[in-house]
Structures are given as C-alpha cells and as structure tokens.
Amino acid sequence: MTDRPILFSAPMVRTILDGSKTQTRRVIKPQPYLDKMGNACCDGWILGQGADRVPNFESLASPIPRSSTGRVWCPYGQIGDRLWVREEHYRFGHWEEVSSVRTRTGRQKWAFVQDSREVLFDAPAEFRKGRHNKDTLTPAWHKRLARFMPRSASRITLEITDVRVERLQDISRGDAMEEGCPFPNMASGDDPRRWFSELWQSINGPASWEANPWVWVIGFKRVDGGKAGE
C-alpha cells in the first residue's frame, strides 16, 4: 500500500467531509490513443489497472516502443492505495532568505518557516496572503496554497476503491452525484451532469469540457476516522 498526495479545492474538500463526494476525475497525461480494437493506449500499452490488462501490439498499425512498466498505471495509485489530501490552509510562521539561492529570474529565494505546529482550515481573524516585503521576520498567520501542505498537516486520508479510464463526457448521472453534486439526482429539470460540466470548466477553463479528454476516474472512501464537518 502506497500513500500519495492529491489536491482538492476548498469546495471539494467540503463535499468530501460531508460524505457526498466519493469520486474524482483527473486528465490523463499524455492523452491516450485508441488502437484498432478500441483500447485506450499510451506508449504502446493498454491503459489498465488490473492484472488482466496486457499489451496489445498485434492491433497496432505501427507498433511503437514498449513501456518499461509493462502497462500504464494510474499515477494516483491502485485499488487499496491511500491518498492524503492537500488543501488550502493557514499556518503560523515567518519568512527567511534561503542563503545563496536565487529564483530563475535572479531574485532572492525565500522560505516560509513554521513557528507553530497548529494548522487552521478556516481563516483566522488576521492573516497574510504571502510574504510581507517590509516585515518578513515577524511571526503571523499566513494563507498557504494546497501544494505547500506537508503530509503532517493533512487532515483527510482516502483509500482508493476503484480506478478506470473513460472520456470526460461519458460521466453518468450517478457518477456526477458521486462527484459531489449538491442536488438530488432525479430533481425535476436538474441534470447532475450539467452541474459537473460547469464545475469542471470552473476549474480547468471554458473549453475544457468540449475538449472531452480521457480521464482517470478514481473512486475512494474516507479512512482517516475524522467526523464530517470537522
């Protein structure tokens, strides 16, 4: 069993906490192609998760170099693996220069130094959104992006229960509900798939739904033992 990080926005974190979100979709990179048998392939191998997935070179018009892994695995893990959630949060600390290190543009590199182990998920009364150029050393609450969350600060752990590959627009009404749709599946005039398409575009851009990319569909359950809404 392997633990890997995964980022979620604040609204999606709330749906995980209340138990309404048990699926997520992530764009496959690079995008696969279809062989003559209709299998989604990448680098000459069928995209797969289980042991029943095997290479299918006979169906390729022009075989391409084989992958050293034998199959293309989901980068987020396999069934039974765990994901620890990275999300926006608040930490108390200050900023210090990183000695003799510059950014790509030649500017001084700075590092956030944590002065307390406490982590907040709701905004404190006062906080800074980034490094304060005129006052870097004074400890204060800082808003930290999800990608800066360390494993020790994560409050949500998920266990992968399903992994499959499909086109984005092939999502069913039921799966849209599993993505965290806030209204009942059979509500008159409301289609969960429309809600999901709007959510997807809000995250990935206005043309991202029409692009209809291949995605990893990852099913999960919460296993950290926390209570909804904590």
C-alpha atoms as a PDB file:
ATOM      1  CA  MET A   1       0.000   0.000   0.000  1.00  0.00           C
ATOM      2  CA  THR A   2       1.315   3.400  -1.040  1.00  0.00           C
ATOM      3  CA  ASP A   3       0.406   6.900   0.169  1.00  0.00           C
ATOM      4  CA  ARG A   4       0.325   9.700  -2.413  1.00  0.00           C
ATOM      5  CA  PRO A   5      -0.777  13.352  -2.243  1.00  0.00           C
ATOM      6  CA  ILE A   6      -3.760  14.720  -4.161  1.00  0.00           C
ATOM      7  CA  LEU A   7      -5.005  18.320  -4.368  1.00  0.00           C
ATOM      8  CA  PHE A   8      -8.613  19.354  -3.851  1.00  0.00           C
ATOM      9  CA  SER A   9     -10.199  22.815  -3.884  1.00  0.00           C
ATOM     10  CA  ALA A  10     -11.971  24.098  -0.783  1.00  0.00           C
ATOM     11  CA  PRO A  11     -15.499  23.364  -2.133  1.00  0.00           C
ATOM     12  CA  MET A  12     -14.492  19.788  -2.993  1.00  0.00           C
ATOM     13  CA  VAL A  13     -12.923  19.311   0.430  1.00  0.00           C
ATOM     14  CA  ARG A  14     -16.250  20.255   1.984  1.00  0.00           C
ATOM     15  CA  THR A  15     -18.074  17.635  -0.101  1.00  0.00           C
ATOM     16  CA  ILE A  16     -15.548  15.004   0.971  1.00  0.00           C
ATOM     17  CA  LEU A  17     -16.053  15.962   4.607  1.00  0.00           C
ATOM     18  CA  ASP A  18     -19.839  15.731   4.359  1.00  0.00           C
ATOM     19  CA  GLY A  19     -19.600  12.379   2.591  1.00  0.00           C
ATOM     20  CA  SER A  20     -21.185  13.405  -0.729  1.00  0.00           C
ATOM     21  CA  LYS A  21     -18.013  13.139  -2.833  1.00  0.00           C
ATOM     22  CA  THR A  22     -16.533   9.674  -3.448  1.00  0.00           C
ATOM     23  CA  GLN A  23     -15.105  10.137  -6.960  1.00  0.00           C
ATOM     24  CA  THR A  24     -12.678  12.430  -8.704  1.00  0.00           C
ATOM     25  CA  ARG A  25     -11.606  12.775 -12.339  1.00  0.00           C
ATOM     26  CA  ARG A  26      -8.122  13.761 -13.435  1.00  0.00           C
ATOM     27  CA  VAL A  27      -6.898  14.346 -17.006  1.00  0.00           C
ATOM     28  CA  ILE A  28      -4.577  11.627 -18.305  1.00  0.00           C
ATOM     29  CA  LYS A  29      -1.177  12.984 -19.351  1.00  0.00           C
ATOM     30  CA  PRO A  30      -0.233  12.412 -22.081  1.00  0.00           C
ATOM     31  CA  GLN A  31      -3.615  11.743 -23.671  1.00  0.00           C
ATOM     32  CA  PRO A  32      -4.003   8.158 -24.928  1.00  0.00           C
ATOM     33  CA  TYR A  33      -4.993   6.998 -28.400  1.00  0.00           C
ATOM     34  CA  LEU A  34      -7.299   4.164 -29.500  1.00  0.00           C
ATOM     35  CA  ASP A  35      -5.879   1.064 -31.138  1.00  0.00           C
ATOM     36  CA  LYS A  36      -7.807  -0.941 -33.742  1.00  0.00           C
ATOM     37  CA  MET A  37      -9.542  -2.912 -31.002  1.00  0.00           C
ATOM     38  CA  GLY A  38     -10.796   0.252 -29.318  1.00  0.00           C
ATOM     39  CA  ASN A  39      -8.378   0.039 -26.370  1.00  0.00           C
ATOM     40  CA  ALA A  40      -7.081   3.280 -24.873  1.00  0.00           C
ATOM     41  CA  CYS A  41      -3.300   3.049 -25.220  1.00  0.00           C
ATOM     42  CA  CYS A  42      -0.234   5.066 -24.316  1.00  0.00           C
ATOM     43  CA  ASP A  43       3.330   4.333 -25.407  1.00  0.00           C
ATOM     44  CA  GLY A  44       2.256   1.036 -26.938  1.00  0.00           C
ATOM     45  CA  TRP A  45       0.495  -0.281 -23.852  1.00  0.00           C
ATOM     46  CA  ILE A  46      -3.137  -0.506 -22.880  1.00  0.00           C
ATOM     47  CA  LEU A  47      -4.120   1.813 -20.052  1.00  0.00           C
ATOM     48  CA  GLY A  48      -5.013  -0.504 -17.219  1.00  0.00           C
ATOM     49  CA  GLN A  49      -5.245  -1.132 -13.559  1.00  0.00           C
ATOM     50  CA  GLY A  50      -5.632  -4.883 -13.025  1.00  0.00           C
ATOM     51  CA  ALA A  51      -3.557  -7.911 -13.962  1.00  0.00           C
ATOM     52  CA  ASP A  52      -5.959  -8.677 -16.826  1.00  0.00           C
ATOM     53  CA  ARG A  53      -4.631  -5.694 -18.767  1.00  0.00           C
ATOM     54  CA  VAL A  54      -1.937  -6.813 -21.204  1.00  0.00           C
ATOM     55  CA  PRO A  55      -0.012  -5.265 -24.135  1.00  0.00           C
ATOM     56  CA  ASN A  56      -1.856  -5.385 -27.446  1.00  0.00           C
ATOM     57  CA  PHE A  57       0.722  -4.796 -30.161  1.00  0.00           C
ATOM     58  CA  GLU A  58      -0.955  -7.018 -32.773  1.00  0.00           C
ATOM     59  CA  SER A  59      -3.760  -4.475 -33.193  1.00  0.00           C
ATOM     60  CA  LEU A  60      -1.412  -1.540 -33.823  1.00  0.00           C
ATOM     61  CA  ALA A  61      -0.765  -0.473 -37.412  1.00  0.00           C
ATOM     62  CA  SER A  62       2.696   0.803 -36.467  1.00  0.00           C
ATOM     63  CA  PRO A  63       3.940  -0.575 -33.134  1.00  0.00           C
ATOM     64  CA  ILE A  64       5.813   1.996 -31.053  1.00  0.00           C
ATOM     65  CA  PRO A  65       8.440   1.498 -28.327  1.00  0.00           C
ATOM     66  CA  ARG A  66       7.274  -0.534 -25.348  1.00  0.00           C
ATOM     67  CA  SER A  67       6.942   0.958 -21.906  1.00  0.00           C
ATOM     68  CA  SER A  68       9.370  -0.363 -19.308  1.00  0.00           C
ATOM     69  CA  THR A  69       6.496  -0.667 -16.817  1.00  0.00           C
ATOM     70  CA  GLY A  70       4.500  -3.231 -18.805  1.00  0.00           C
ATOM     71  CA  ARG A  71       1.307  -1.174 -18.533  1.00  0.00           C
ATOM     72  CA  VAL A  72       0.357   2.401 -17.834  1.00  0.00           C
ATOM     73  CA  TRP A  73      -0.656   2.671 -14.202  1.00  0.00           C
ATOM     74  CA  CYS A  74      -2.751   5.430 -12.736  1.00  0.00           C
ATOM     75  CA  PRO A  75      -0.268   7.915 -11.193  1.00  0.00           C
ATOM     76  CA  TYR A  76      -2.595   8.373  -8.214  1.00  0.00           C
ATOM     77  CA  GLY A  77      -2.331   4.719  -7.240  1.00  0.00           C
ATOM     78  CA  GLN A  78      -4.070   1.369  -7.370  1.00  0.00           C
ATOM     79  CA  ILE A  79      -7.060  -0.037  -5.531  1.00  0.00           C
ATOM     80  CA  GLY A  80      -6.152  -0.204  -1.839  1.00  0.00           C
ATOM     81  CA  ASP A  81      -3.589   2.608  -2.002  1.00  0.00           C
ATOM     82  CA  ARG A  82      -4.168   5.766   0.007  1.00  0.00           C
ATOM     83  CA  LEU A  83      -4.319   9.432  -0.909  1.00  0.00           C
ATOM     84  CA  TRP A  84      -3.662  12.229   1.544  1.00  0.00           C
ATOM     85  CA  VAL A  85      -5.465  15.434   0.671  1.00  0.00           C
ATOM     86  CA  ARG A  86      -3.675  18.703   0.117  1.00  0.00           C
ATOM     87  CA  GLU A  87      -5.863  21.785   0.557  1.00  0.00           C
ATOM     88  CA  GLU A  88      -5.567  25.499   1.238  1.00  0.00           C
ATOM     89  CA  HIS A  89      -4.752  26.093   4.897  1.00  0.00           C
ATOM     90  CA  TYR A  90      -3.283  28.576   7.376  1.00  0.00           C
ATOM     91  CA  ARG A  91      -0.003  28.238   9.228  1.00  0.00           C
ATOM     92  CA  PHE A  92       1.707  30.486  11.744  1.00  0.00           C
ATOM     93  CA  GLY A  93       5.267  31.471  10.875  1.00  0.00           C
ATOM     94  CA  HIS A  94       7.652  33.895   9.206  1.00  0.00           C
ATOM     95  CA  TRP A  95       9.868  34.171   6.116  1.00  0.00           C
ATOM     96  CA  GLU A  96      13.628  33.825   5.825  1.00  0.00           C
ATOM     97  CA  GLU A  97      16.054  34.195   2.943  1.00  0.00           C
ATOM     98  CA  VAL A  98      17.463  30.967   1.531  1.00  0.00           C
ATOM     99  CA  SER A  99      21.196  31.509   1.609  1.00  0.00           C
ATOM    100  CA  SER A 100      22.887  31.726  -1.810  1.00  0.00           C
ATOM    101  CA  VAL A 101      19.784  30.594  -3.690  1.00  0.00           C
ATOM    102  CA  ARG A 102      18.117  32.596  -6.450  1.00  0.00           C
ATOM    103  CA  THR A 103      14.951  32.118  -8.455  1.00  0.00           C
ATOM    104  CA  ARG A 104      15.009  31.524 -12.213  1.00  0.00           C
ATOM    105  CA  THR A 105      14.632  35.264 -12.733  1.00  0.00           C
ATOM    106  CA  GLY A 106      17.561  36.003 -10.442  1.00  0.00           C
ATOM    107  CA  ARG A 107      15.629  37.140  -7.399  1.00  0.00           C
ATOM    108  CA  GLN A 108      16.383  36.157  -3.823  1.00  0.00           C
ATOM    109  CA  LYS A 109      14.777  32.846  -2.797  1.00  0.00           C
ATOM    110  CA  TRP A 110      12.648  32.939   0.353  1.00  0.00           C
ATOM    111  CA  ALA A 111      11.293  30.110   2.506  1.00  0.00           C
ATOM    112  CA  PHE A 112       8.349  30.014   4.878  1.00  0.00           C
ATOM    113  CA  VAL A 113       9.404  28.912   8.382  1.00  0.00           C
ATOM    114  CA  GLN A 114       6.684  27.459  10.592  1.00  0.00           C
ATOM    115  CA  ASP A 115       6.671  28.743  14.184  1.00  0.00           C
ATOM    116  CA  SER A 116       3.797  26.578  15.402  1.00  0.00           C
ATOM    117  CA  ARG A 117       2.516  23.093  14.632  1.00  0.00           C
ATOM    118  CA  GLU A 118      -1.053  24.369  14.642  1.00  0.00           C
ATOM    119  CA  VAL A 119      -2.832  24.264  11.279  1.00  0.00           C
ATOM    120  CA  LEU A 120      -6.104  26.078  10.587  1.00  0.00           C
ATOM    121  CA  PHE A 121      -8.547  25.308   7.795  1.00  0.00           C
ATOM    122  CA  ASP A 122     -10.808  28.296   8.435  1.00  0.00           C
ATOM    123  CA  ALA A 123      -9.349  31.764   8.024  1.00  0.00           C
ATOM    124  CA  PRO A 124      -8.206  33.414  11.279  1.00  0.00           C
ATOM    125  CA  ALA A 125      -9.253  36.978  12.037  1.00  0.00           C
ATOM    126  CA  GLU A 126      -5.987  38.311  10.601  1.00  0.00           C
ATOM    127  CA  PHE A 127      -3.629  36.630   8.148  1.00  0.00           C
ATOM    128  CA  ARG A 128      -1.213  37.402   5.345  1.00  0.00           C
ATOM    129  CA  LYS A 129      -1.640  36.045   1.833  1.00  0.00           C
ATOM    130  CA  GLY A 130       2.086  35.953   1.183  1.00  0.00           C
ATOM    131  CA  ARG A 131       5.461  37.271   2.216  1.00  0.00           C
ATOM    132  CA  HIS A 132       5.276  40.801   3.615  1.00  0.00           C
ATOM    133  CA  ASN A 133       8.226  42.567   1.978  1.00  0.00           C
ATOM    134  CA  LYS A 134       8.638  45.134   4.772  1.00  0.00           C
ATOM    135  CA  ASP A 135       8.173  42.712   7.648  1.00  0.00           C
ATOM    136  CA  THR A 136       9.372  39.198   6.890  1.00  0.00           C
ATOM    137  CA  LEU A 137      10.576  38.113  10.332  1.00  0.00           C
ATOM    138  CA  THR A 138       7.507  38.860  12.459  1.00  0.00           C
ATOM    139  CA  PRO A 139       5.514  35.632  13.012  1.00  0.00           C
ATOM    140  CA  ALA A 140       1.951  35.823  11.696  1.00  0.00           C
ATOM    141  CA  TRP A 141      -0.766  33.633  10.256  1.00  0.00           C
ATOM    142  CA  HIS A 142      -0.245  33.010   6.549  1.00  0.00           C
ATOM    143  CA  LYS A 143      -2.573  31.549   3.938  1.00  0.00           C
ATOM    144  CA  ARG A 144      -0.783  28.650   2.256  1.00  0.00           C
ATOM    145  CA  LEU A 145      -1.751  27.112  -1.065  1.00  0.00           C
ATOM    146  CA  ALA A 146      -2.649  23.431  -1.229  1.00  0.00           C
ATOM    147  CA  ARG A 147       0.588  22.484  -2.972  1.00  0.00           C
ATOM    148  CA  PHE A 148       2.557  23.676   0.058  1.00  0.00           C
ATOM    149  CA  MET A 149       0.767  21.409   2.537  1.00  0.00           C
ATOM    150  CA  PRO A 150       3.098  18.827   4.148  1.00  0.00           C
ATOM    151  CA  ARG A 151       1.881  15.309   4.886  1.00  0.00           C
ATOM    152  CA  SER A 152       1.874  16.042   8.615  1.00  0.00           C
ATOM    153  CA  ALA A 153      -0.708  18.825   8.165  1.00  0.00           C
ATOM    154  CA  SER A 154      -3.218  16.829   6.116  1.00  0.00           C
ATOM    155  CA  ARG A 155      -6.490  16.063   7.882  1.00  0.00           C
ATOM    156  CA  ILE A 156      -8.062  13.788   5.249  1.00  0.00           C
ATOM    157  CA  THR A 157      -6.899  10.361   4.101  1.00  0.00           C
ATOM    158  CA  LEU A 158      -8.704   8.480   1.327  1.00  0.00           C
ATOM    159  CA  GLU A 159      -8.494   4.846   0.251  1.00  0.00           C
ATOM    160  CA  ILE A 160      -8.797   4.139  -3.480  1.00  0.00           C
ATOM    161  CA  THR A 161     -11.708   1.777  -4.165  1.00  0.00           C
ATOM    162  CA  ASP A 162     -11.854   1.935  -7.973  1.00  0.00           C
ATOM    163  CA  VAL A 163      -9.747   3.112 -10.917  1.00  0.00           C
ATOM    164  CA  ARG A 164     -10.844   3.200 -14.542  1.00  0.00           C
ATOM    165  CA  VAL A 165     -10.374   5.161 -17.762  1.00  0.00           C
ATOM    166  CA  GLU A 166     -13.101   6.966 -19.732  1.00  0.00           C
ATOM    167  CA  ARG A 167     -13.854  10.075 -21.746  1.00  0.00           C
ATOM    168  CA  LEU A 168     -14.879  13.069 -19.657  1.00  0.00           C
ATOM    169  CA  GLN A 169     -18.313  13.475 -21.231  1.00  0.00           C
ATOM    170  CA  ASP A 170     -19.160   9.810 -20.643  1.00  0.00           C
ATOM    171  CA  ILE A 171     -19.870  10.545 -16.988  1.00  0.00           C
ATOM    172  CA  SER A 172     -23.250   9.140 -15.883  1.00  0.00           C
ATOM    173  CA  ARG A 173     -25.838  10.894 -13.732  1.00  0.00           C
ATOM    174  CA  GLY A 174     -24.927   8.583 -10.850  1.00  0.00           C
ATOM    175  CA  ASP A 175     -21.218   9.300 -11.169  1.00  0.00           C
ATOM    176  CA  ALA A 176     -21.939  13.042 -11.283  1.00  0.00           C
ATOM    177  CA  MET A 177     -23.666  12.584  -7.931  1.00  0.00           C
ATOM    178  CA  GLU A 178     -20.580  10.760  -6.634  1.00  0.00           C
ATOM    179  CA  GLU A 179     -18.526  13.795  -7.706  1.00  0.00           C
ATOM    180  CA  GLY A 180     -20.395  15.789  -5.068  1.00  0.00           C
ATOM    181  CA  CYS A 181     -23.437  17.190  -6.885  1.00  0.00           C
ATOM    182  CA  PRO A 182     -25.451  19.123  -4.266  1.00  0.00           C
ATOM    183  CA  PHE A 183     -28.971  18.439  -5.559  1.00  0.00           C
ATOM    184  CA  PRO A 184     -30.970  15.176  -5.856  1.00  0.00           C
ATOM    185  CA  ASN A 185     -30.289  13.028  -8.908  1.00  0.00           C
ATOM    186  CA  MET A 186     -33.908  12.940 -10.030  1.00  0.00           C
ATOM    187  CA  ALA A 187     -34.776  16.567  -9.247  1.00  0.00           C
ATOM    188  CA  SER A 188     -37.057  17.961 -11.951  1.00  0.00           C
ATOM    189  CA  GLY A 189     -35.145  19.919 -14.569  1.00  0.00           C
ATOM    190  CA  ASP A 190     -31.769  19.402 -12.907  1.00  0.00           C
ATOM    191  CA  ASP A 191     -29.131  17.205 -14.543  1.00  0.00           C
ATOM    192  CA  PRO A 192     -26.136  16.354 -12.320  1.00  0.00           C
ATOM    193  CA  ARG A 193     -24.017  16.056 -15.458  1.00  0.00           C
ATOM    194  CA  ARG A 194     -24.649  19.716 -16.292  1.00  0.00           C
ATOM    195  CA  TRP A 195     -23.587  20.671 -12.772  1.00  0.00           C
ATOM    196  CA  PHE A 196     -20.403  18.632 -13.199  1.00  0.00           C
ATOM    197  CA  SER A 197     -19.611  20.160 -16.597  1.00  0.00           C
ATOM    198  CA  GLU A 198     -19.867  23.641 -15.064  1.00  0.00           C
ATOM    199  CA  LEU A 199     -17.697  22.581 -12.135  1.00  0.00           C
ATOM    200  CA  TRP A 200     -15.094  21.095 -14.493  1.00  0.00           C
ATOM    201  CA  GLN A 201     -14.944  24.276 -16.576  1.00  0.00           C
ATOM    202  CA  SER A 202     -14.640  26.465 -13.484  1.00  0.00           C
ATOM    203  CA  ILE A 203     -11.500  24.533 -12.571  1.00  0.00           C
ATOM    204  CA  ASN A 204      -9.993  23.709 -15.968  1.00  0.00           C
ATOM    205  CA  GLY A 205     -11.154  26.542 -18.243  1.00  0.00           C
ATOM    206  CA  PRO A 206     -14.137  27.321 -20.520  1.00  0.00           C
ATOM    207  CA  ALA A 207     -13.108  24.983 -23.360  1.00  0.00           C
ATOM    208  CA  SER A 208     -12.101  22.045 -21.166  1.00  0.00           C
ATOM    209  CA  TRP A 209     -15.469  20.270 -21.272  1.00  0.00           C
ATOM    210  CA  GLU A 210     -15.792  20.443 -25.058  1.00  0.00           C
ATOM    211  CA  ALA A 211     -12.254  19.037 -25.378  1.00  0.00           C
ATOM    212  CA  ASN A 212     -13.639  15.817 -23.863  1.00  0.00           C
ATOM    213  CA  PRO A 213     -10.269  14.446 -22.708  1.00  0.00           C
ATOM    214  CA  TRP A 214      -9.573  10.947 -21.455  1.00  0.00           C
ATOM    215  CA  VAL A 215      -9.578  10.959 -17.661  1.00  0.00           C
ATOM    216  CA  TRP A 216      -8.699   8.716 -14.753  1.00  0.00           C
ATOM    217  CA  VAL A 217     -11.833   8.026 -12.736  1.00  0.00           C
ATOM    218  CA  ILE A 218     -10.792   7.424  -9.140  1.00  0.00           C
ATOM    219  CA  GLY A 219     -13.287   6.130  -6.593  1.00  0.00           C
ATOM    220  CA  PHE A 220     -12.437   6.468  -2.904  1.00  0.00           C
ATOM    221  CA  LYS A 221     -13.658   6.275   0.645  1.00  0.00           C
ATOM    222  CA  ARG A 222     -12.541   8.299   3.647  1.00  0.00           C
ATOM    223  CA  VAL A 223     -10.474   6.268   6.116  1.00  0.00           C
ATOM    224  CA  ASP A 224      -8.851   8.813   8.434  1.00  0.00           C
ATOM    225  CA  GLY A 225     -11.522   8.354  11.060  1.00  0.00           C
ATOM    226  CA  GLY A 226     -12.470  12.012  11.208  1.00  0.00           C
ATOM    227  CA  LYS A 227     -16.010  13.273  11.532  1.00  0.00           C
ATOM    228  CA  ALA A 228     -17.812  15.087   8.768  1.00  0.00           C
ATOM    229  CA  GLY A 229     -17.518  18.837   9.038  1.00  0.00           C
ATOM    230  CA  GLU A 230     -14.543  18.849  11.378  1.00  0.00           C
END
